[in-house]
């Protein structure tokens, strides 16, 4: 029987809003790590050093082929055995950032591959250093085709933050579960969590598409 209690729902909403802020912080920090590290991994796979390219490529495939949940557990519980003692927050953000950086490296790689070969050759002819070549010529052109994938993974990270509840991070799912355990009512907290995720994810996806179209128009690609 559907037994919704509006008074209880309004009572727990402030706690869930605070937890929403924590979730957004975790997603934002993880995404920032993934953006930077993903680009580094993508470029590292294009060096003339075959050994480095092989190691980075295999590392990316390993991370992409193992569950995020396992990586969260590994950083938090196994890390201390190697002297890496981190808080649940730090462990979660590092695990999410590392996991999604490997996916974003493939998005970046596709963008880099889309840059015409003549652009690479022109940068070389101008005697640019590798750093100048990427910063001034290649990356600005590679980002545009990569925008869609980058936006999709931002939403993906937001939806994966509930996994951090397994190590005690007070995000939405963790808070909803705690509320349910305290009051022996799970309908309202978990329903509200689902609505909050929808209320953030759907507009975010629309904004990302709008931003992508804006950039394309600015560059005359539409």
N, C-alpha and C. Protein backbone atom coordinates (compact mmCIF):
# COMPACT_ATOMS: atom_id res chain seq x y z
N UNK A 1 0.85 -1.19 0.00
CA UNK A 1 0.00 0.00 0.00
C UNK A 1 0.89 1.25 0.00
N UNK A 2 0.53 2.21 -0.83
CA UNK A 2 1.31 3.45 -0.91
C UNK A 2 0.98 4.32 0.29
N UNK A 3 1.95 4.54 1.16
CA UNK A 3 1.72 5.27 2.42
C UNK A 3 2.69 6.44 2.51
N UNK A 4 2.45 7.44 1.67
CA UNK A 4 3.33 8.61 1.63
C UNK A 4 2.98 9.58 2.75
N UNK A 5 4.01 10.02 3.47
CA UNK A 5 3.83 10.95 4.60
C UNK A 5 4.47 12.29 4.22
N UNK A 6 3.63 13.26 3.86
CA UNK A 6 4.15 14.56 3.43
C UNK A 6 4.88 15.28 4.55
N UNK A 7 4.36 15.18 5.77
CA UNK A 7 5.00 15.87 6.90
C UNK A 7 6.42 15.34 7.11
N UNK A 8 6.58 14.02 7.02
CA UNK A 8 7.90 13.42 7.18
C UNK A 8 8.82 13.82 6.03
N UNK A 9 8.25 13.86 4.83
CA UNK A 9 9.05 14.23 3.65
C UNK A 9 9.60 15.65 3.79
N UNK A 10 8.76 16.59 4.22
CA UNK A 10 9.23 17.97 4.39
C UNK A 10 10.24 18.07 5.53
N UNK A 11 10.09 17.21 6.53
CA UNK A 11 10.99 17.24 7.68
C UNK A 11 12.40 16.80 7.30
N UNK A 12 12.51 15.80 6.43
CA UNK A 12 13.83 15.27 6.08
C UNK A 12 14.46 15.99 4.89
N UNK A 13 13.69 16.80 4.19
CA UNK A 13 14.20 17.45 2.99
C UNK A 13 15.45 18.30 3.25
N UNK A 14 15.52 19.10 4.34
CA UNK A 14 16.75 19.89 4.56
C UNK A 14 18.01 19.03 4.66
N UNK A 15 17.92 17.87 5.31
CA UNK A 15 19.08 16.99 5.40
C UNK A 15 19.50 16.48 4.02
N UNK A 16 18.52 16.19 3.20
CA UNK A 16 18.83 15.71 1.86
C UNK A 16 19.41 16.81 0.99
N UNK A 17 18.99 18.05 1.22
CA UNK A 17 19.54 19.17 0.47
C UNK A 17 21.02 19.37 0.82
N UNK A 18 21.35 19.25 2.11
CA UNK A 18 22.75 19.34 2.52
C UNK A 18 23.56 18.22 1.87
N UNK A 19 22.98 17.02 1.87
CA UNK A 19 23.66 15.88 1.25
C UNK A 19 23.82 16.09 -0.26
N UNK A 20 22.86 16.78 -0.87
CA UNK A 20 22.97 17.09 -2.30
C UNK A 20 24.19 17.96 -2.55
N UNK A 21 24.42 18.93 -1.67
CA UNK A 21 25.61 19.76 -1.80
C UNK A 21 26.89 18.93 -1.71
N UNK A 22 26.92 17.97 -0.78
CA UNK A 22 28.08 17.09 -0.66
C UNK A 22 28.28 16.26 -1.93
N UNK A 23 27.16 15.80 -2.49
CA UNK A 23 27.23 14.99 -3.72
C UNK A 23 27.78 15.82 -4.87
N UNK A 24 27.31 17.06 -4.98
CA UNK A 24 27.79 17.93 -6.06
C UNK A 24 29.27 18.25 -5.90
N UNK A 25 29.72 18.45 -4.66
CA UNK A 25 31.14 18.71 -4.41
C UNK A 25 31.97 17.51 -4.81
N UNK A 26 31.52 16.31 -4.42
CA UNK A 26 32.26 15.09 -4.76
C UNK A 26 32.31 14.91 -6.27
N UNK A 27 31.18 15.13 -6.94
CA UNK A 27 31.14 14.98 -8.40
C UNK A 27 32.03 16.02 -9.08
N UNK A 28 31.97 17.27 -8.61
CA UNK A 28 32.77 18.33 -9.20
C UNK A 28 34.25 18.10 -9.03
N UNK A 29 34.66 17.68 -7.82
CA UNK A 29 36.08 17.44 -7.57
C UNK A 29 36.58 16.24 -8.38
N UNK A 30 35.78 15.18 -8.41
CA UNK A 30 36.17 14.01 -9.20
C UNK A 30 36.28 14.33 -10.68
N UNK A 31 35.36 15.17 -11.17
CA UNK A 31 35.38 15.53 -12.59
C UNK A 31 36.59 16.40 -12.91
N UNK A 32 36.94 17.31 -12.01
CA UNK A 32 38.10 18.17 -12.23
C UNK A 32 39.37 17.32 -12.34
N UNK A 33 39.49 16.32 -11.45
CA UNK A 33 40.64 15.42 -11.52
C UNK A 33 40.64 14.66 -12.85
N UNK A 34 39.46 14.17 -13.24
CA UNK A 34 39.35 13.38 -14.46
C UNK A 34 39.68 14.20 -15.70
N UNK A 35 39.25 15.46 -15.72
CA UNK A 35 39.53 16.32 -16.87
C UNK A 35 41.03 16.49 -17.10
N UNK A 36 41.75 16.79 -16.04
CA UNK A 36 43.19 17.04 -16.15
C UNK A 36 43.95 15.75 -16.40
N UNK A 37 43.69 14.75 -15.57
CA UNK A 37 44.43 13.50 -15.69
C UNK A 37 44.10 12.78 -17.00
N UNK A 38 42.85 12.90 -17.45
CA UNK A 38 42.47 12.27 -18.70
C UNK A 38 43.24 12.83 -19.88
N UNK A 39 43.45 14.15 -19.88
CA UNK A 39 44.23 14.77 -20.95
C UNK A 39 45.68 14.32 -20.91
N UNK A 40 46.23 14.22 -19.70
CA UNK A 40 47.61 13.75 -19.55
C UNK A 40 47.75 12.32 -20.08
N UNK A 41 46.80 11.47 -19.75
CA UNK A 41 46.85 10.08 -20.20
C UNK A 41 46.70 9.99 -21.72
N UNK A 42 45.84 10.84 -22.29
CA UNK A 42 45.66 10.83 -23.75
C UNK A 42 46.93 11.24 -24.46
N UNK A 43 47.58 12.30 -23.97
CA UNK A 43 48.81 12.77 -24.60
C UNK A 43 49.95 11.77 -24.41
N UNK A 44 49.96 11.13 -23.22
CA UNK A 44 51.02 10.15 -22.93
C UNK A 44 50.96 8.95 -23.86
N UNK A 45 49.80 8.71 -24.46
CA UNK A 45 49.67 7.59 -25.40
C UNK A 45 50.10 7.97 -26.81
N UNK A 46 50.51 9.23 -26.99
CA UNK A 46 50.91 9.69 -28.33
C UNK A 46 52.40 10.06 -28.37
N UNK A 47 53.15 9.66 -27.37
CA UNK A 47 54.58 9.99 -27.35
C UNK A 47 55.34 9.01 -28.25
N UNK A 48 56.55 9.38 -28.67
CA UNK A 48 57.36 8.46 -29.47
C UNK A 48 57.99 7.34 -28.65
N UNK A 49 57.80 7.38 -27.33
CA UNK A 49 58.38 6.37 -26.44
C UNK A 49 57.41 5.19 -26.32
N UNK A 50 57.72 4.13 -27.01
CA UNK A 50 56.78 3.00 -27.07
C UNK A 50 56.53 2.36 -25.71
N UNK A 51 57.57 2.32 -24.88
CA UNK A 51 57.39 1.73 -23.56
C UNK A 51 56.38 2.51 -22.74
N UNK A 52 56.50 3.83 -22.74
CA UNK A 52 55.57 4.67 -22.00
C UNK A 52 54.16 4.54 -22.57
N UNK A 53 54.06 4.57 -23.88
CA UNK A 53 52.75 4.43 -24.53
C UNK A 53 52.08 3.11 -24.14
N UNK A 54 52.86 2.03 -24.15
CA UNK A 54 52.32 0.71 -23.81
C UNK A 54 51.83 0.67 -22.37
N UNK A 55 52.63 1.19 -21.44
CA UNK A 55 52.27 1.17 -20.01
C UNK A 55 50.99 1.99 -19.78
N UNK A 56 50.93 3.18 -20.35
CA UNK A 56 49.77 4.04 -20.15
C UNK A 56 48.52 3.41 -20.76
N UNK A 57 48.65 2.85 -21.95
CA UNK A 57 47.50 2.23 -22.60
C UNK A 57 46.97 1.05 -21.80
N UNK A 58 47.87 0.22 -21.28
CA UNK A 58 47.44 -0.93 -20.49
C UNK A 58 46.82 -0.48 -19.17
N UNK A 59 47.37 0.58 -18.59
CA UNK A 59 46.80 1.12 -17.35
C UNK A 59 45.37 1.61 -17.59
N UNK A 60 45.17 2.34 -18.67
CA UNK A 60 43.83 2.84 -19.01
C UNK A 60 42.86 1.68 -19.20
N UNK A 61 43.28 0.65 -19.92
CA UNK A 61 42.41 -0.50 -20.16
C UNK A 61 42.10 -1.24 -18.86
N UNK A 62 43.09 -1.33 -17.98
CA UNK A 62 42.87 -2.00 -16.70
C UNK A 62 41.83 -1.26 -15.86
N UNK A 63 41.98 0.05 -15.76
CA UNK A 63 41.03 0.83 -14.96
C UNK A 63 39.63 0.77 -15.56
N UNK A 64 39.54 0.86 -16.88
CA UNK A 64 38.23 0.82 -17.54
C UNK A 64 37.58 -0.55 -17.43
N UNK A 65 38.37 -1.59 -17.24
CA UNK A 65 37.85 -2.95 -17.22
C UNK A 65 37.52 -3.45 -15.82
N UNK A 66 37.78 -2.64 -14.80
CA UNK A 66 37.46 -3.04 -13.43
C UNK A 66 36.42 -2.10 -12.85
N UNK A 67 35.58 -2.60 -11.93
CA UNK A 67 34.48 -1.78 -11.40
C UNK A 67 34.96 -0.59 -10.58
N UNK A 68 34.22 0.50 -10.67
CA UNK A 68 34.52 1.68 -9.86
C UNK A 68 34.45 1.34 -8.38
N UNK A 69 33.47 0.53 -8.00
CA UNK A 69 33.32 0.17 -6.59
C UNK A 69 34.58 -0.50 -6.05
N UNK A 70 35.17 -1.39 -6.83
CA UNK A 70 36.41 -2.05 -6.42
C UNK A 70 37.53 -1.04 -6.24
N UNK A 71 37.61 -0.06 -7.13
CA UNK A 71 38.66 0.95 -7.05
C UNK A 71 38.48 1.84 -5.82
N UNK A 72 37.23 2.14 -5.47
CA UNK A 72 36.95 2.91 -4.25
C UNK A 72 37.43 2.14 -3.03
N UNK A 73 37.09 0.85 -2.96
CA UNK A 73 37.54 0.02 -1.84
C UNK A 73 39.06 -0.06 -1.80
N UNK A 74 39.68 -0.19 -2.97
CA UNK A 74 41.13 -0.35 -3.03
C UNK A 74 41.83 0.89 -2.48
N UNK A 75 41.39 2.07 -2.93
CA UNK A 75 42.04 3.31 -2.47
C UNK A 75 41.85 3.50 -0.96
N UNK A 76 40.64 3.21 -0.47
CA UNK A 76 40.34 3.49 0.93
C UNK A 76 40.87 2.43 1.89
N UNK A 77 40.72 1.15 1.52
CA UNK A 77 41.07 0.08 2.45
C UNK A 77 42.47 -0.50 2.20
N UNK A 78 42.89 -0.56 0.95
CA UNK A 78 44.21 -1.14 0.65
C UNK A 78 45.30 -0.07 0.69
N UNK A 79 44.94 1.17 0.36
CA UNK A 79 45.91 2.26 0.37
C UNK A 79 46.72 2.37 1.65
N UNK A 80 46.09 2.26 2.85
CA UNK A 80 46.85 2.38 4.10
C UNK A 80 47.98 1.36 4.23
N UNK A 81 47.83 0.19 3.59
CA UNK A 81 48.90 -0.82 3.67
C UNK A 81 50.16 -0.36 2.93
N UNK A 82 49.99 0.64 2.06
CA UNK A 82 51.12 1.19 1.32
C UNK A 82 51.45 2.62 1.80
N UNK A 83 50.95 2.96 2.97
CA UNK A 83 51.23 4.27 3.55
C UNK A 83 50.33 5.38 3.05
N UNK A 84 49.28 5.03 2.29
CA UNK A 84 48.38 6.05 1.74
C UNK A 84 47.10 6.07 2.58
N UNK A 85 47.10 6.88 3.63
CA UNK A 85 45.94 6.96 4.52
C UNK A 85 45.15 8.22 4.18
N UNK A 86 43.96 8.02 3.63
CA UNK A 86 43.14 9.13 3.18
C UNK A 86 41.76 9.08 3.84
N UNK A 87 41.14 10.24 3.94
CA UNK A 87 39.78 10.29 4.46
C UNK A 87 38.83 9.68 3.44
N UNK A 88 37.61 9.32 3.86
CA UNK A 88 36.64 8.80 2.90
C UNK A 88 36.40 9.77 1.74
N UNK A 89 36.34 11.09 2.04
CA UNK A 89 36.13 12.08 0.99
C UNK A 89 37.26 12.05 -0.03
N UNK A 90 38.50 12.12 0.47
CA UNK A 90 39.65 12.14 -0.44
C UNK A 90 39.74 10.85 -1.24
N UNK A 91 39.52 9.72 -0.57
CA UNK A 91 39.58 8.43 -1.26
C UNK A 91 38.54 8.35 -2.37
N UNK A 92 37.33 8.79 -2.06
CA UNK A 92 36.26 8.73 -3.04
C UNK A 92 36.52 9.61 -4.25
N UNK A 93 36.98 10.83 -4.00
CA UNK A 93 37.24 11.75 -5.11
C UNK A 93 38.39 11.26 -5.98
N UNK A 94 39.43 10.71 -5.35
CA UNK A 94 40.56 10.19 -6.12
C UNK A 94 40.12 9.00 -6.96
N UNK A 95 39.35 8.10 -6.36
CA UNK A 95 38.90 6.91 -7.08
C UNK A 95 38.02 7.29 -8.27
N UNK A 96 37.07 8.19 -8.04
CA UNK A 96 36.19 8.64 -9.13
C UNK A 96 37.00 9.37 -10.21
N UNK A 97 37.89 10.26 -9.77
CA UNK A 97 38.70 11.01 -10.73
C UNK A 97 39.57 10.09 -11.56
N UNK A 98 40.20 9.11 -10.92
CA UNK A 98 41.07 8.17 -11.64
C UNK A 98 40.25 7.32 -12.62
N UNK A 99 39.12 6.82 -12.15
CA UNK A 99 38.28 5.96 -12.99
C UNK A 99 37.81 6.70 -14.24
N UNK A 100 37.27 7.88 -14.05
CA UNK A 100 36.72 8.60 -15.20
C UNK A 100 37.79 9.27 -16.04
N UNK A 101 38.98 9.47 -15.48
CA UNK A 101 40.06 10.02 -16.31
C UNK A 101 40.42 9.05 -17.43
N UNK A 102 40.31 7.78 -17.16
CA UNK A 102 40.64 6.79 -18.19
C UNK A 102 39.59 6.79 -19.30
N UNK A 103 38.32 7.01 -18.93
CA UNK A 103 37.29 7.13 -19.95
C UNK A 103 37.45 8.43 -20.74
N UNK A 104 37.74 9.51 -20.03
CA UNK A 104 37.92 10.79 -20.71
C UNK A 104 39.17 10.79 -21.59
N UNK A 105 40.17 9.99 -21.22
CA UNK A 105 41.37 9.93 -22.07
C UNK A 105 41.01 9.39 -23.45
N UNK A 106 40.04 8.48 -23.51
CA UNK A 106 39.60 7.96 -24.80
C UNK A 106 38.80 9.02 -25.57
N UNK A 107 38.03 9.82 -24.84
CA UNK A 107 37.31 10.93 -25.48
C UNK A 107 38.30 11.93 -26.05
N UNK A 108 39.30 12.29 -25.25
CA UNK A 108 40.35 13.20 -25.73
C UNK A 108 41.09 12.60 -26.92
N UNK A 109 41.36 11.30 -26.86
CA UNK A 109 42.10 10.65 -27.94
C UNK A 109 41.34 10.76 -29.25
N UNK A 110 40.01 10.58 -29.18
CA UNK A 110 39.21 10.75 -30.38
C UNK A 110 39.27 12.17 -30.91
N UNK A 111 39.27 13.14 -29.98
CA UNK A 111 39.38 14.54 -30.40
C UNK A 111 40.72 14.85 -31.03
N UNK A 112 41.79 14.31 -30.43
CA UNK A 112 43.13 14.53 -30.98
C UNK A 112 43.27 13.90 -32.36
N UNK A 113 42.68 12.72 -32.52
CA UNK A 113 42.76 12.04 -33.82
C UNK A 113 41.98 12.77 -34.90
N UNK A 114 41.00 13.60 -34.47
CA UNK A 114 40.18 14.32 -35.45
C UNK A 114 40.88 15.56 -36.02
N UNK A 115 41.96 16.00 -35.37
CA UNK A 115 42.69 17.17 -35.86
C UNK A 115 43.42 16.79 -37.15
N UNK A 116 43.22 17.51 -38.22
CA UNK A 116 43.86 17.18 -39.51
C UNK A 116 45.38 17.07 -39.38
N UNK A 117 45.93 16.13 -40.10
CA UNK A 117 47.38 15.91 -40.03
C UNK A 117 48.16 17.16 -40.44
N UNK A 118 47.59 17.95 -41.34
CA UNK A 118 48.27 19.16 -41.76
C UNK A 118 48.50 20.14 -40.62
N UNK A 119 47.62 20.15 -39.63
CA UNK A 119 47.79 21.04 -38.48
C UNK A 119 49.01 20.63 -37.66
N UNK A 120 49.19 19.33 -37.50
CA UNK A 120 50.36 18.84 -36.77
C UNK A 120 51.64 19.22 -37.52
N UNK A 121 51.60 19.02 -38.82
CA UNK A 121 52.79 19.30 -39.64
C UNK A 121 53.09 20.80 -39.66
N UNK A 122 52.03 21.62 -39.70
CA UNK A 122 52.24 23.07 -39.70
C UNK A 122 52.88 23.53 -38.39
N UNK A 123 52.43 22.96 -37.28
CA UNK A 123 53.00 23.33 -35.98
C UNK A 123 54.47 22.92 -35.90
N UNK A 124 54.77 21.76 -36.47
CA UNK A 124 56.16 21.30 -36.50
C UNK A 124 57.01 22.21 -37.37
N UNK A 125 56.44 22.63 -38.52
CA UNK A 125 57.17 23.50 -39.44
C UNK A 125 57.47 24.86 -38.81
N UNK A 126 56.60 25.30 -37.90
CA UNK A 126 56.82 26.58 -37.21
C UNK A 126 57.81 26.45 -36.05
N UNK A 127 58.39 25.25 -35.92
CA UNK A 127 59.40 25.00 -34.90
C UNK A 127 58.85 25.18 -33.48
N UNK A 128 57.60 24.82 -33.29
CA UNK A 128 57.00 24.91 -31.96
C UNK A 128 57.48 23.74 -31.10
N UNK A 129 57.57 23.99 -29.79
CA UNK A 129 57.86 22.90 -28.87
C UNK A 129 56.61 22.02 -28.76
N UNK A 130 56.76 20.86 -28.17
CA UNK A 130 55.61 19.96 -28.01
C UNK A 130 54.52 20.64 -27.19
N UNK A 131 54.93 21.32 -26.12
CA UNK A 131 53.94 22.00 -25.27
C UNK A 131 53.21 23.09 -26.04
N UNK A 132 53.93 23.89 -26.81
CA UNK A 132 53.30 24.95 -27.60
C UNK A 132 52.36 24.36 -28.66
N UNK A 133 52.80 23.26 -29.26
CA UNK A 133 52.00 22.62 -30.30
C UNK A 133 50.64 22.20 -29.75
N UNK A 134 50.67 21.53 -28.60
CA UNK A 134 49.40 21.07 -28.01
C UNK A 134 48.57 22.25 -27.50
N UNK A 135 49.21 23.19 -26.81
CA UNK A 135 48.47 24.27 -26.16
C UNK A 135 47.85 25.23 -27.17
N UNK A 136 48.58 25.58 -28.21
CA UNK A 136 48.13 26.61 -29.14
C UNK A 136 47.37 26.09 -30.36
N UNK A 137 47.71 24.90 -30.80
CA UNK A 137 47.16 24.41 -32.08
C UNK A 137 46.24 23.21 -31.90
N UNK A 138 46.73 22.18 -31.24
CA UNK A 138 46.04 20.89 -31.26
C UNK A 138 44.86 20.83 -30.29
N UNK A 139 45.12 21.13 -29.01
CA UNK A 139 44.06 20.98 -27.99
C UNK A 139 42.84 21.85 -28.28
N UNK A 140 43.00 23.14 -28.66
CA UNK A 140 41.80 23.93 -28.97
C UNK A 140 40.92 23.31 -30.06
N UNK A 141 41.53 22.66 -31.04
CA UNK A 141 40.75 22.02 -32.10
C UNK A 141 40.20 20.67 -31.65
N UNK A 142 40.89 19.99 -30.74
CA UNK A 142 40.47 18.66 -30.31
C UNK A 142 39.32 18.72 -29.32
N UNK A 143 39.21 19.82 -28.57
CA UNK A 143 38.20 19.91 -27.52
C UNK A 143 36.79 19.91 -28.09
N UNK A 144 36.58 20.60 -29.20
CA UNK A 144 35.22 20.74 -29.75
C UNK A 144 34.56 19.39 -30.02
N UNK A 145 35.18 18.48 -30.78
CA UNK A 145 34.53 17.19 -31.00
C UNK A 145 34.44 16.33 -29.75
N UNK A 146 35.22 16.68 -28.72
CA UNK A 146 35.20 15.90 -27.48
C UNK A 146 34.15 16.39 -26.48
N UNK A 147 33.54 17.55 -26.75
CA UNK A 147 32.63 18.16 -25.77
C UNK A 147 31.47 17.26 -25.39
N UNK A 148 30.87 16.59 -26.37
CA UNK A 148 29.71 15.75 -26.08
C UNK A 148 30.06 14.64 -25.10
N UNK A 149 31.16 13.95 -25.36
CA UNK A 149 31.58 12.89 -24.47
C UNK A 149 31.96 13.40 -23.09
N UNK A 150 32.61 14.55 -23.05
CA UNK A 150 32.98 15.14 -21.77
C UNK A 150 31.75 15.46 -20.94
N UNK A 151 30.72 16.00 -21.58
CA UNK A 151 29.48 16.31 -20.88
C UNK A 151 28.77 15.08 -20.38
N UNK A 152 28.75 14.03 -21.19
CA UNK A 152 28.09 12.79 -20.78
C UNK A 152 28.74 12.21 -19.54
N UNK A 153 30.06 12.26 -19.47
CA UNK A 153 30.74 11.70 -18.32
C UNK A 153 30.57 12.56 -17.07
N UNK A 154 30.32 13.84 -17.24
CA UNK A 154 30.01 14.68 -16.07
C UNK A 154 28.72 14.19 -15.41
N UNK A 155 27.70 13.95 -16.22
CA UNK A 155 26.44 13.43 -15.68
C UNK A 155 26.66 12.03 -15.11
N UNK A 156 27.50 11.23 -15.78
CA UNK A 156 27.79 9.89 -15.30
C UNK A 156 28.46 9.90 -13.93
N UNK A 157 29.38 10.81 -13.72
CA UNK A 157 30.05 10.92 -12.42
C UNK A 157 29.03 11.28 -11.34
N UNK A 158 28.15 12.22 -11.65
CA UNK A 158 27.14 12.62 -10.67
C UNK A 158 26.28 11.43 -10.26
N UNK A 159 25.91 10.60 -11.22
CA UNK A 159 25.06 9.45 -10.91
C UNK A 159 25.82 8.31 -10.23
N UNK A 160 27.16 8.33 -10.31
CA UNK A 160 27.96 7.29 -9.66
C UNK A 160 28.41 7.67 -8.26
N UNK A 161 28.20 8.91 -7.85
CA UNK A 161 28.63 9.31 -6.51
C UNK A 161 27.98 8.50 -5.38
N UNK A 162 26.76 7.92 -5.56
CA UNK A 162 26.21 7.09 -4.48
C UNK A 162 27.12 5.93 -4.07
N UNK A 163 28.02 5.52 -4.95
CA UNK A 163 28.94 4.44 -4.59
C UNK A 163 29.86 4.83 -3.43
N UNK A 164 30.03 6.14 -3.23
CA UNK A 164 30.89 6.59 -2.14
C UNK A 164 30.28 6.31 -0.77
N UNK A 165 28.99 5.99 -0.75
CA UNK A 165 28.33 5.69 0.52
C UNK A 165 28.93 4.46 1.18
N UNK A 166 29.54 3.57 0.40
CA UNK A 166 30.09 2.33 0.96
C UNK A 166 31.29 2.58 1.86
N UNK A 167 31.93 3.75 1.73
CA UNK A 167 33.05 4.08 2.61
C UNK A 167 32.69 5.22 3.57
N UNK A 168 31.39 5.50 3.67
CA UNK A 168 30.93 6.45 4.68
C UNK A 168 30.85 7.90 4.28
N UNK A 169 30.95 8.20 3.00
CA UNK A 169 30.81 9.59 2.55
C UNK A 169 29.33 9.97 2.63
N UNK A 170 29.05 11.09 3.27
CA UNK A 170 27.66 11.49 3.53
C UNK A 170 27.03 12.15 2.31
N UNK A 171 26.93 11.38 1.22
CA UNK A 171 26.24 11.90 0.03
C UNK A 171 24.76 11.51 0.12
N UNK A 172 24.05 11.64 -0.99
CA UNK A 172 22.60 11.48 -0.94
C UNK A 172 22.14 10.10 -0.49
N UNK A 173 22.66 9.04 -1.10
CA UNK A 173 22.20 7.70 -0.77
C UNK A 173 22.54 7.35 0.67
N UNK A 174 23.74 7.71 1.10
CA UNK A 174 24.16 7.44 2.48
C UNK A 174 23.23 8.13 3.46
N UNK A 175 22.91 9.39 3.18
CA UNK A 175 22.02 10.15 4.06
C UNK A 175 20.61 9.59 4.05
N UNK A 176 20.10 9.24 2.87
CA UNK A 176 18.75 8.67 2.78
C UNK A 176 18.67 7.35 3.54
N UNK A 177 19.70 6.54 3.44
CA UNK A 177 19.71 5.26 4.15
C UNK A 177 19.75 5.49 5.66
N UNK A 178 20.54 6.49 6.08
CA UNK A 178 20.61 6.80 7.51
C UNK A 178 19.25 7.28 8.03
N UNK A 179 18.58 8.13 7.25
CA UNK A 179 17.25 8.62 7.64
C UNK A 179 16.27 7.46 7.73
N UNK A 180 16.30 6.58 6.73
CA UNK A 180 15.40 5.44 6.74
C UNK A 180 15.63 4.54 7.94
N UNK A 181 16.90 4.33 8.32
CA UNK A 181 17.22 3.48 9.46
C UNK A 181 16.79 4.12 10.77
N UNK A 182 16.88 5.44 10.83
CA UNK A 182 16.49 6.15 12.06
C UNK A 182 14.98 6.11 12.28
N UNK A 183 14.21 6.25 11.21
CA UNK A 183 12.75 6.38 11.33
C UNK A 183 11.99 5.15 10.84
N UNK A 184 12.72 4.16 10.36
CA UNK A 184 12.09 2.94 9.83
C UNK A 184 11.11 3.26 8.71
N UNK A 185 11.45 4.29 7.94
CA UNK A 185 10.67 4.66 6.76
C UNK A 185 11.66 4.96 5.62
N UNK A 186 11.57 4.19 4.55
CA UNK A 186 12.49 4.34 3.45
C UNK A 186 11.82 4.90 2.19
N UNK A 187 10.50 4.89 2.15
CA UNK A 187 9.79 5.34 0.96
C UNK A 187 10.11 6.80 0.65
N UNK A 188 9.91 7.66 1.63
CA UNK A 188 10.09 9.09 1.39
C UNK A 188 11.55 9.48 1.09
N UNK A 189 12.53 9.04 1.91
CA UNK A 189 13.91 9.48 1.62
C UNK A 189 14.42 9.01 0.26
N UNK A 190 14.15 7.76 -0.10
CA UNK A 190 14.68 7.27 -1.37
C UNK A 190 13.91 7.81 -2.57
N UNK A 191 12.63 8.07 -2.39
CA UNK A 191 11.87 8.71 -3.47
C UNK A 191 12.37 10.12 -3.71
N UNK A 192 12.62 10.86 -2.63
CA UNK A 192 13.13 12.22 -2.76
C UNK A 192 14.52 12.22 -3.41
N UNK A 193 15.34 11.24 -3.05
CA UNK A 193 16.68 11.15 -3.66
C UNK A 193 16.56 10.95 -5.18
N UNK A 194 15.65 10.06 -5.58
CA UNK A 194 15.45 9.86 -7.01
C UNK A 194 15.00 11.11 -7.72
N UNK A 195 14.09 11.87 -7.08
CA UNK A 195 13.61 13.11 -7.68
C UNK A 195 14.72 14.16 -7.74
N UNK A 196 15.56 14.20 -6.72
CA UNK A 196 16.68 15.16 -6.71
C UNK A 196 17.66 14.84 -7.84
N UNK A 197 17.97 13.56 -8.02
CA UNK A 197 18.86 13.18 -9.11
C UNK A 197 18.27 13.57 -10.46
N UNK A 198 16.98 13.34 -10.64
CA UNK A 198 16.33 13.74 -11.89
C UNK A 198 16.35 15.25 -12.07
N UNK A 199 16.09 15.98 -10.99
CA UNK A 199 16.02 17.43 -11.05
C UNK A 199 17.36 18.06 -11.40
N UNK A 200 18.45 17.36 -11.12
CA UNK A 200 19.78 17.88 -11.43
C UNK A 200 20.29 17.33 -12.76
N UNK A 201 20.12 16.03 -12.97
CA UNK A 201 20.69 15.38 -14.16
C UNK A 201 20.05 15.85 -15.46
N UNK A 202 18.73 15.94 -15.50
CA UNK A 202 18.06 16.30 -16.75
C UNK A 202 18.40 17.73 -17.19
N UNK A 203 18.28 18.75 -16.31
CA UNK A 203 18.68 20.09 -16.74
C UNK A 203 20.17 20.19 -17.07
N UNK A 204 21.00 19.44 -16.33
CA UNK A 204 22.45 19.47 -16.60
C UNK A 204 22.75 18.94 -17.99
N UNK A 205 22.07 17.87 -18.38
CA UNK A 205 22.28 17.31 -19.72
C UNK A 205 21.86 18.33 -20.79
N UNK A 206 20.74 19.02 -20.54
CA UNK A 206 20.30 20.05 -21.49
C UNK A 206 21.27 21.20 -21.58
N UNK A 207 21.80 21.63 -20.44
CA UNK A 207 22.78 22.73 -20.43
C UNK A 207 24.06 22.34 -21.15
N UNK A 208 24.48 21.10 -20.99
CA UNK A 208 25.69 20.63 -21.66
C UNK A 208 25.50 20.65 -23.17
N UNK A 209 24.33 20.18 -23.62
CA UNK A 209 24.07 20.21 -25.07
C UNK A 209 24.00 21.64 -25.58
N UNK A 210 23.39 22.53 -24.78
CA UNK A 210 23.32 23.93 -25.18
C UNK A 210 24.70 24.56 -25.26
N UNK A 211 25.56 24.23 -24.30
CA UNK A 211 26.93 24.78 -24.30
C UNK A 211 27.70 24.26 -25.51
N UNK A 212 27.52 22.98 -25.82
CA UNK A 212 28.20 22.41 -26.98
C UNK A 212 27.76 23.12 -28.27
N UNK A 213 26.46 23.35 -28.40
CA UNK A 213 25.96 24.04 -29.60
C UNK A 213 26.46 25.48 -29.66
N UNK A 214 26.55 26.13 -28.49
CA UNK A 214 27.06 27.51 -28.43
C UNK A 214 28.50 27.58 -28.91
N UNK A 215 29.33 26.65 -28.43
CA UNK A 215 30.74 26.63 -28.84
C UNK A 215 30.86 26.37 -30.33
N UNK A 216 30.06 25.46 -30.85
CA UNK A 216 30.11 25.15 -32.27
C UNK A 216 29.69 26.36 -33.11
N UNK A 217 28.68 27.10 -32.66
CA UNK A 217 28.26 28.29 -33.39
C UNK A 217 29.35 29.35 -33.35
N UNK A 218 29.98 29.52 -32.21
CA UNK A 218 31.04 30.50 -32.08
C UNK A 218 32.20 30.21 -33.02
N UNK A 219 32.44 28.92 -33.23
CA UNK A 219 33.56 28.52 -34.09
C UNK A 219 33.13 28.33 -35.54
N UNK A 220 31.86 28.64 -35.80
CA UNK A 220 31.36 28.52 -37.17
C UNK A 220 31.21 27.11 -37.66
N UNK A 221 30.95 26.18 -36.72
CA UNK A 221 30.81 24.77 -37.10
C UNK A 221 29.36 24.36 -37.28
N UNK A 222 28.45 25.31 -37.14
CA UNK A 222 27.02 25.03 -37.34
C UNK A 222 26.41 26.05 -38.28
